[in-house]
């Protein structure tokens, strides 16, 4: 911390990017898209991968029976997921009964791609204001992949939250966090 009590934006970004150099977070997001390929259509119809945080994957299932059955197979599923991405990313899988978010049959197939030229250009323009060249380059690469991730999600039906603007997979107007914290939404739900 500096004498004034503030840390420069460049230092904060630099620290954040230091943690992202191995693209682990991007891989955590992309692994959700290979779920059906690894587990098969039968299991995929009754499950919905939610997130991967620090190597722990959370998957909602169509009831507690599915959660229990898949928990018995989680080590095999974990190994196959890690083999598919070629990286020991998943350390544990937690199955729970919960809401399934599914794409329609008409959804376009998932295509894995590098950032598009437009995404690269946008990232370069935004990172150009950072004076430190190394920080600007690192932030630019991070932003390219973030823009790519958002495009992939939009292509698969994710929508913007009307409250915070974050992309979410639900059919509601607001994401889960905004619904839980918005006083007006809680009033509507309770009535």
C-alpha atoms as a PDB file:
ATOM      1  CA  UNK A   1       0.000   0.000   0.000  1.00  0.00           C
ATOM      2  CA  UNK A   2       1.277   3.487  -0.795  1.00  0.00           C
ATOM      3  CA  UNK A   3       1.628   6.328   1.694  1.00  0.00           C
ATOM      4  CA  UNK A   4      -1.740   7.766   0.647  1.00  0.00           C
ATOM      5  CA  UNK A   5      -3.426   4.460   1.450  1.00  0.00           C
ATOM      6  CA  UNK A   6      -4.227   3.603  -2.160  1.00  0.00           C
ATOM      7  CA  UNK A   7      -2.776   0.983  -4.495  1.00  0.00           C
ATOM      8  CA  UNK A   8      -2.385   1.951  -8.134  1.00  0.00           C
ATOM      9  CA  UNK A   9      -4.695   0.329 -10.663  1.00  0.00           C
ATOM     10  CA  UNK A  10      -1.650  -0.949 -12.558  1.00  0.00           C
ATOM     11  CA  UNK A  11      -0.424  -2.826  -9.476  1.00  0.00           C
ATOM     12  CA  UNK A  12      -3.831  -4.368  -8.846  1.00  0.00           C
ATOM     13  CA  UNK A  13      -4.159  -5.467 -12.486  1.00  0.00           C
ATOM     14  CA  UNK A  14      -0.604  -6.782 -12.477  1.00  0.00           C
ATOM     15  CA  UNK A  15      -1.304  -8.917  -9.397  1.00  0.00           C
ATOM     16  CA  UNK A  16      -4.531 -10.262 -10.873  1.00  0.00           C
ATOM     17  CA  UNK A  17      -2.882 -11.095 -14.162  1.00  0.00           C
ATOM     18  CA  UNK A  18      -0.029 -12.850 -12.407  1.00  0.00           C
ATOM     19  CA  UNK A  19      -2.631 -15.373 -11.240  1.00  0.00           C
ATOM     20  CA  UNK A  20      -4.071 -15.785 -14.728  1.00  0.00           C
ATOM     21  CA  UNK A  21      -0.914 -16.406 -16.749  1.00  0.00           C
ATOM     22  CA  UNK A  22      -1.620 -20.133 -17.084  1.00  0.00           C
ATOM     23  CA  UNK A  23      -5.132 -19.372 -18.405  1.00  0.00           C
ATOM     24  CA  UNK A  24      -6.568 -21.584 -15.676  1.00  0.00           C
ATOM     25  CA  UNK A  25      -9.719 -19.494 -15.280  1.00  0.00           C
ATOM     26  CA  UNK A  26     -10.451 -19.633 -19.015  1.00  0.00           C
ATOM     27  CA  UNK A  27     -10.008 -23.417 -18.956  1.00  0.00           C
ATOM     28  CA  UNK A  28     -12.354 -23.618 -15.974  1.00  0.00           C
ATOM     29  CA  UNK A  29     -15.025 -21.890 -18.031  1.00  0.00           C
ATOM     30  CA  UNK A  30     -14.402 -23.871 -21.217  1.00  0.00           C
ATOM     31  CA  UNK A  31     -14.503 -27.255 -19.472  1.00  0.00           C
ATOM     32  CA  UNK A  32     -18.214 -26.705 -18.886  1.00  0.00           C
ATOM     33  CA  UNK A  33     -18.707 -26.916 -22.639  1.00  0.00           C
ATOM     34  CA  UNK A  34     -17.135 -30.391 -22.998  1.00  0.00           C
ATOM     35  CA  UNK A  35     -19.353 -31.952 -20.346  1.00  0.00           C
ATOM     36  CA  UNK A  36     -21.752 -33.734 -22.753  1.00  0.00           C
ATOM     37  CA  UNK A  37     -18.889 -35.028 -24.867  1.00  0.00           C
ATOM     38  CA  UNK A  38     -17.254 -36.621 -21.809  1.00  0.00           C
ATOM     39  CA  UNK A  39     -20.287 -38.010 -19.951  1.00  0.00           C
ATOM     40  CA  UNK A  40     -22.550 -38.818 -22.922  1.00  0.00           C
ATOM     41  CA  UNK A  41     -26.016 -37.639 -23.900  1.00  0.00           C
ATOM     42  CA  UNK A  42     -27.917 -39.752 -21.359  1.00  0.00           C
ATOM     43  CA  UNK A  43     -26.116 -38.316 -18.355  1.00  0.00           C
ATOM     44  CA  UNK A  44     -25.969 -34.865 -19.912  1.00  0.00           C
ATOM     45  CA  UNK A  45     -29.768 -34.713 -20.267  1.00  0.00           C
ATOM     46  CA  UNK A  46     -30.051 -35.112 -16.495  1.00  0.00           C
ATOM     47  CA  UNK A  47     -27.202 -32.857 -15.437  1.00  0.00           C
ATOM     48  CA  UNK A  48     -26.098 -29.262 -15.822  1.00  0.00           C
ATOM     49  CA  UNK A  49     -22.508 -28.234 -15.001  1.00  0.00           C
ATOM     50  CA  UNK A  50     -22.599 -24.930 -13.157  1.00  0.00           C
ATOM     51  CA  UNK A  51     -19.051 -23.765 -12.493  1.00  0.00           C
ATOM     52  CA  UNK A  52     -15.479 -24.684 -11.734  1.00  0.00           C
ATOM     53  CA  UNK A  53     -13.721 -22.753  -9.004  1.00  0.00           C
ATOM     54  CA  UNK A  54     -10.235 -23.639  -7.800  1.00  0.00           C
ATOM     55  CA  UNK A  55     -10.470 -27.060  -9.418  1.00  0.00           C
ATOM     56  CA  UNK A  56     -13.825 -27.979  -7.843  1.00  0.00           C
ATOM     57  CA  UNK A  57     -16.599 -28.551 -10.374  1.00  0.00           C
ATOM     58  CA  UNK A  58     -20.220 -28.154  -9.298  1.00  0.00           C
ATOM     59  CA  UNK A  59     -22.870 -30.024 -11.299  1.00  0.00           C
ATOM     60  CA  UNK A  60     -26.637 -29.801 -10.785  1.00  0.00           C
ATOM     61  CA  UNK A  61     -28.559 -33.040 -11.306  1.00  0.00           C
ATOM     62  CA  UNK A  62     -32.146 -33.974 -12.014  1.00  0.00           C
ATOM     63  CA  UNK A  63     -32.817 -35.167  -8.480  1.00  0.00           C
ATOM     64  CA  UNK A  64     -30.904 -36.680  -5.586  1.00  0.00           C
ATOM     65  CA  UNK A  65     -30.798 -40.148  -7.170  1.00  0.00           C
ATOM     66  CA  UNK A  66     -28.735 -38.796 -10.068  1.00  0.00           C
ATOM     67  CA  UNK A  67     -26.498 -36.901  -7.638  1.00  0.00           C
ATOM     68  CA  UNK A  68     -25.840 -40.035  -5.594  1.00  0.00           C
ATOM     69  CA  UNK A  69     -25.233 -42.254  -8.639  1.00  0.00           C
ATOM     70  CA  UNK A  70     -22.821 -39.788 -10.256  1.00  0.00           C
ATOM     71  CA  UNK A  71     -20.998 -39.232  -6.967  1.00  0.00           C
ATOM     72  CA  UNK A  72     -20.045 -42.910  -7.103  1.00  0.00           C
ATOM     73  CA  UNK A  73     -18.589 -42.357 -10.595  1.00  0.00           C
ATOM     74  CA  UNK A  74     -17.009 -38.953 -10.010  1.00  0.00           C
ATOM     75  CA  UNK A  75     -13.392 -40.147 -10.000  1.00  0.00           C
ATOM     76  CA  UNK A  76     -13.769 -41.703 -13.464  1.00  0.00           C
ATOM     77  CA  UNK A  77     -15.599 -38.605 -14.773  1.00  0.00           C
ATOM     78  CA  UNK A  78     -12.916 -36.337 -13.284  1.00  0.00           C
ATOM     79  CA  UNK A  79     -10.144 -38.300 -15.005  1.00  0.00           C
ATOM     80  CA  UNK A  80     -11.937 -38.220 -18.368  1.00  0.00           C
ATOM     81  CA  UNK A  81     -12.572 -34.459 -18.116  1.00  0.00           C
ATOM     82  CA  UNK A  82      -8.912 -33.778 -17.346  1.00  0.00           C
ATOM     83  CA  UNK A  83      -7.821 -36.059 -20.213  1.00  0.00           C
ATOM     84  CA  UNK A  84     -10.180 -34.263 -22.603  1.00  0.00           C
ATOM     85  CA  UNK A  85      -8.654 -30.849 -21.919  1.00  0.00           C
ATOM     86  CA  UNK A  86      -5.118 -32.189 -21.521  1.00  0.00           C
ATOM     87  CA  UNK A  87      -4.628 -30.474 -18.200  1.00  0.00           C
ATOM     88  CA  UNK A  88      -5.116 -31.651 -14.581  1.00  0.00           C
ATOM     89  CA  UNK A  89      -7.697 -28.970 -13.837  1.00  0.00           C
ATOM     90  CA  UNK A  90     -10.498 -30.771 -11.975  1.00  0.00           C
ATOM     91  CA  UNK A  91      -9.584 -31.969  -8.482  1.00  0.00           C
ATOM     92  CA  UNK A  92     -13.120 -32.767  -7.302  1.00  0.00           C
ATOM     93  CA  UNK A  93     -16.684 -32.864  -8.616  1.00  0.00           C
ATOM     94  CA  UNK A  94     -19.670 -32.074  -6.424  1.00  0.00           C
ATOM     95  CA  UNK A  95     -23.070 -33.265  -7.599  1.00  0.00           C
ATOM     96  CA  UNK A  96     -26.241 -31.773  -6.155  1.00  0.00           C
ATOM     97  CA  UNK A  97     -29.929 -31.863  -6.968  1.00  0.00           C
ATOM     98  CA  UNK A  98     -30.817 -28.547  -8.545  1.00  0.00           C
ATOM     99  CA  UNK A  99     -32.178 -26.605 -11.504  1.00  0.00           C
ATOM    100  CA  UNK A 100     -30.965 -27.725 -14.928  1.00  0.00           C
ATOM    101  CA  UNK A 101     -30.197 -25.085 -17.534  1.00  0.00           C
ATOM    102  CA  UNK A 102     -30.315 -26.681 -20.955  1.00  0.00           C
ATOM    103  CA  UNK A 103     -29.821 -25.383 -24.443  1.00  0.00           C
ATOM    104  CA  UNK A 104     -32.541 -26.038 -26.975  1.00  0.00           C
ATOM    105  CA  UNK A 105     -32.075 -28.641 -29.684  1.00  0.00           C
ATOM    106  CA  UNK A 106     -31.772 -25.755 -32.164  1.00  0.00           C
ATOM    107  CA  UNK A 107     -28.756 -24.233 -30.401  1.00  0.00           C
ATOM    108  CA  UNK A 108     -25.663 -23.921 -32.555  1.00  0.00           C
ATOM    109  CA  UNK A 109     -22.941 -26.488 -31.818  1.00  0.00           C
ATOM    110  CA  UNK A 110     -20.204 -25.295 -29.501  1.00  0.00           C
ATOM    111  CA  UNK A 111     -17.150 -24.149 -31.377  1.00  0.00           C
ATOM    112  CA  UNK A 112     -13.908 -23.649 -29.564  1.00  0.00           C
ATOM    113  CA  UNK A 113     -11.963 -20.808 -31.053  1.00  0.00           C
ATOM    114  CA  UNK A 114      -9.339 -18.262 -30.395  1.00  0.00           C
ATOM    115  CA  UNK A 115     -10.392 -14.664 -29.905  1.00  0.00           C
ATOM    116  CA  UNK A 116     -11.669 -13.039 -33.102  1.00  0.00           C
ATOM    117  CA  UNK A 117      -9.965 -10.029 -34.680  1.00  0.00           C
ATOM    118  CA  UNK A 118     -12.646  -7.660 -33.353  1.00  0.00           C
ATOM    119  CA  UNK A 119     -12.036  -8.972 -29.813  1.00  0.00           C
ATOM    120  CA  UNK A 120      -8.265  -8.560 -30.218  1.00  0.00           C
ATOM    121  CA  UNK A 121      -8.729  -4.992 -31.460  1.00  0.00           C
ATOM    122  CA  UNK A 122     -11.054  -4.053 -28.601  1.00  0.00           C
ATOM    123  CA  UNK A 123      -8.635  -5.540 -26.059  1.00  0.00           C
ATOM    124  CA  UNK A 124      -5.696  -3.624 -27.579  1.00  0.00           C
ATOM    125  CA  UNK A 125      -7.610  -0.341 -27.556  1.00  0.00           C
ATOM    126  CA  UNK A 126      -8.612  -0.732 -23.925  1.00  0.00           C
ATOM    127  CA  UNK A 127      -5.192  -1.895 -22.714  1.00  0.00           C
ATOM    128  CA  UNK A 128      -3.397   0.870 -24.652  1.00  0.00           C
ATOM    129  CA  UNK A 129      -4.121   3.344 -21.841  1.00  0.00           C
ATOM    130  CA  UNK A 130      -1.942   1.368 -19.403  1.00  0.00           C
ATOM    131  CA  UNK A 131       1.540   2.839 -19.352  1.00  0.00           C
ATOM    132  CA  UNK A 132       3.442  -0.225 -18.141  1.00  0.00           C
ATOM    133  CA  UNK A 133       4.057  -2.290 -21.304  1.00  0.00           C
ATOM    134  CA  UNK A 134       4.129  -5.686 -19.559  1.00  0.00           C
ATOM    135  CA  UNK A 135       0.931  -4.992 -17.637  1.00  0.00           C
ATOM    136  CA  UNK A 136      -0.749  -3.680 -20.803  1.00  0.00           C
ATOM    137  CA  UNK A 137       0.197  -6.821 -22.761  1.00  0.00           C
ATOM    138  CA  UNK A 138      -0.930  -9.160 -19.987  1.00  0.00           C
ATOM    139  CA  UNK A 139      -4.195  -7.316 -19.486  1.00  0.00           C
ATOM    140  CA  UNK A 140      -4.763  -7.254 -23.257  1.00  0.00           C
ATOM    141  CA  UNK A 141      -4.388 -11.056 -23.487  1.00  0.00           C
ATOM    142  CA  UNK A 142      -6.696 -11.559 -20.525  1.00  0.00           C
ATOM    143  CA  UNK A 143      -9.292  -9.225 -22.038  1.00  0.00           C
ATOM    144  CA  UNK A 144      -9.126 -11.001 -25.424  1.00  0.00           C
ATOM    145  CA  UNK A 145     -10.006 -14.302 -23.758  1.00  0.00           C
ATOM    146  CA  UNK A 146     -12.700 -12.721 -21.597  1.00  0.00           C
ATOM    147  CA  UNK A 147     -14.372 -11.207 -24.673  1.00  0.00           C
ATOM    148  CA  UNK A 148     -14.109 -14.587 -26.434  1.00  0.00           C
ATOM    149  CA  UNK A 149     -15.697 -16.342 -23.438  1.00  0.00           C
ATOM    150  CA  UNK A 150     -18.561 -13.839 -23.403  1.00  0.00           C
ATOM    151  CA  UNK A 151     -19.153 -14.347 -27.155  1.00  0.00           C
ATOM    152  CA  UNK A 152     -19.296 -18.128 -26.689  1.00  0.00           C
ATOM    153  CA  UNK A 153     -21.823 -17.736 -23.870  1.00  0.00           C
ATOM    154  CA  UNK A 154     -23.996 -15.321 -25.892  1.00  0.00           C
ATOM    155  CA  UNK A 155     -23.911 -17.761 -28.820  1.00  0.00           C
ATOM    156  CA  UNK A 156     -25.356 -20.404 -26.494  1.00  0.00           C
ATOM    157  CA  UNK A 157     -28.273 -18.377 -25.207  1.00  0.00           C
ATOM    158  CA  UNK A 158     -26.838 -16.654 -22.163  1.00  0.00           C
ATOM    159  CA  UNK A 159     -28.467 -13.268 -21.495  1.00  0.00           C
ATOM    160  CA  UNK A 160     -27.460 -10.047 -19.769  1.00  0.00           C
ATOM    161  CA  UNK A 161     -28.781  -9.373 -16.292  1.00  0.00           C
ATOM    162  CA  UNK A 162     -31.027  -6.296 -16.331  1.00  0.00           C
ATOM    163  CA  UNK A 163     -29.573  -5.191 -13.014  1.00  0.00           C
ATOM    164  CA  UNK A 164     -25.775  -5.721 -13.146  1.00  0.00           C
ATOM    165  CA  UNK A 165     -25.180  -6.537 -16.825  1.00  0.00           C
ATOM    166  CA  UNK A 166     -23.445  -9.876 -16.170  1.00  0.00           C
ATOM    167  CA  UNK A 167     -24.182 -12.773 -18.525  1.00  0.00           C
ATOM    168  CA  UNK A 168     -26.164 -15.632 -16.989  1.00  0.00           C
ATOM    169  CA  UNK A 169     -27.675 -18.902 -18.214  1.00  0.00           C
ATOM    170  CA  UNK A 170     -31.063 -18.515 -16.617  1.00  0.00           C
ATOM    171  CA  UNK A 171     -34.293 -17.479 -18.243  1.00  0.00           C
ATOM    172  CA  UNK A 172     -34.927 -14.749 -15.659  1.00  0.00           C
ATOM    173  CA  UNK A 173     -34.335 -11.044 -16.295  1.00  0.00           C
ATOM    174  CA  UNK A 174     -31.798 -10.899 -13.457  1.00  0.00           C
ATOM    175  CA  UNK A 175     -28.906 -13.169 -12.501  1.00  0.00           C
ATOM    176  CA  UNK A 176     -29.111 -15.270  -9.333  1.00  0.00           C
ATOM    177  CA  UNK A 177     -27.056 -12.810  -7.283  1.00  0.00           C
ATOM    178  CA  UNK A 178     -29.179  -9.793  -8.228  1.00  0.00           C
ATOM    179  CA  UNK A 179     -32.393 -11.741  -7.603  1.00  0.00           C
ATOM    180  CA  UNK A 180     -31.169 -12.712  -4.132  1.00  0.00           C
ATOM    181  CA  UNK A 181     -29.992  -9.208  -3.205  1.00  0.00           C
ATOM    182  CA  UNK A 182     -32.612  -7.027  -4.898  1.00  0.00           C
ATOM    183  CA  UNK A 183     -35.225  -5.884  -2.348  1.00  0.00           C
ATOM    184  CA  UNK A 184     -37.859  -5.343  -5.050  1.00  0.00           C
ATOM    185  CA  UNK A 185     -37.395  -8.840  -6.433  1.00  0.00           C
ATOM    186  CA  UNK A 186     -37.639 -10.413  -2.960  1.00  0.00           C
ATOM    187  CA  UNK A 187     -40.906  -8.502  -2.393  1.00  0.00           C
ATOM    188  CA  UNK A 188     -42.319  -9.896  -5.657  1.00  0.00           C
ATOM    189  CA  UNK A 189     -41.241 -13.474  -4.793  1.00  0.00           C
ATOM    190  CA  UNK A 190     -42.766 -13.340  -1.289  1.00  0.00           C
ATOM    191  CA  UNK A 191     -46.158 -12.040  -2.451  1.00  0.00           C
END
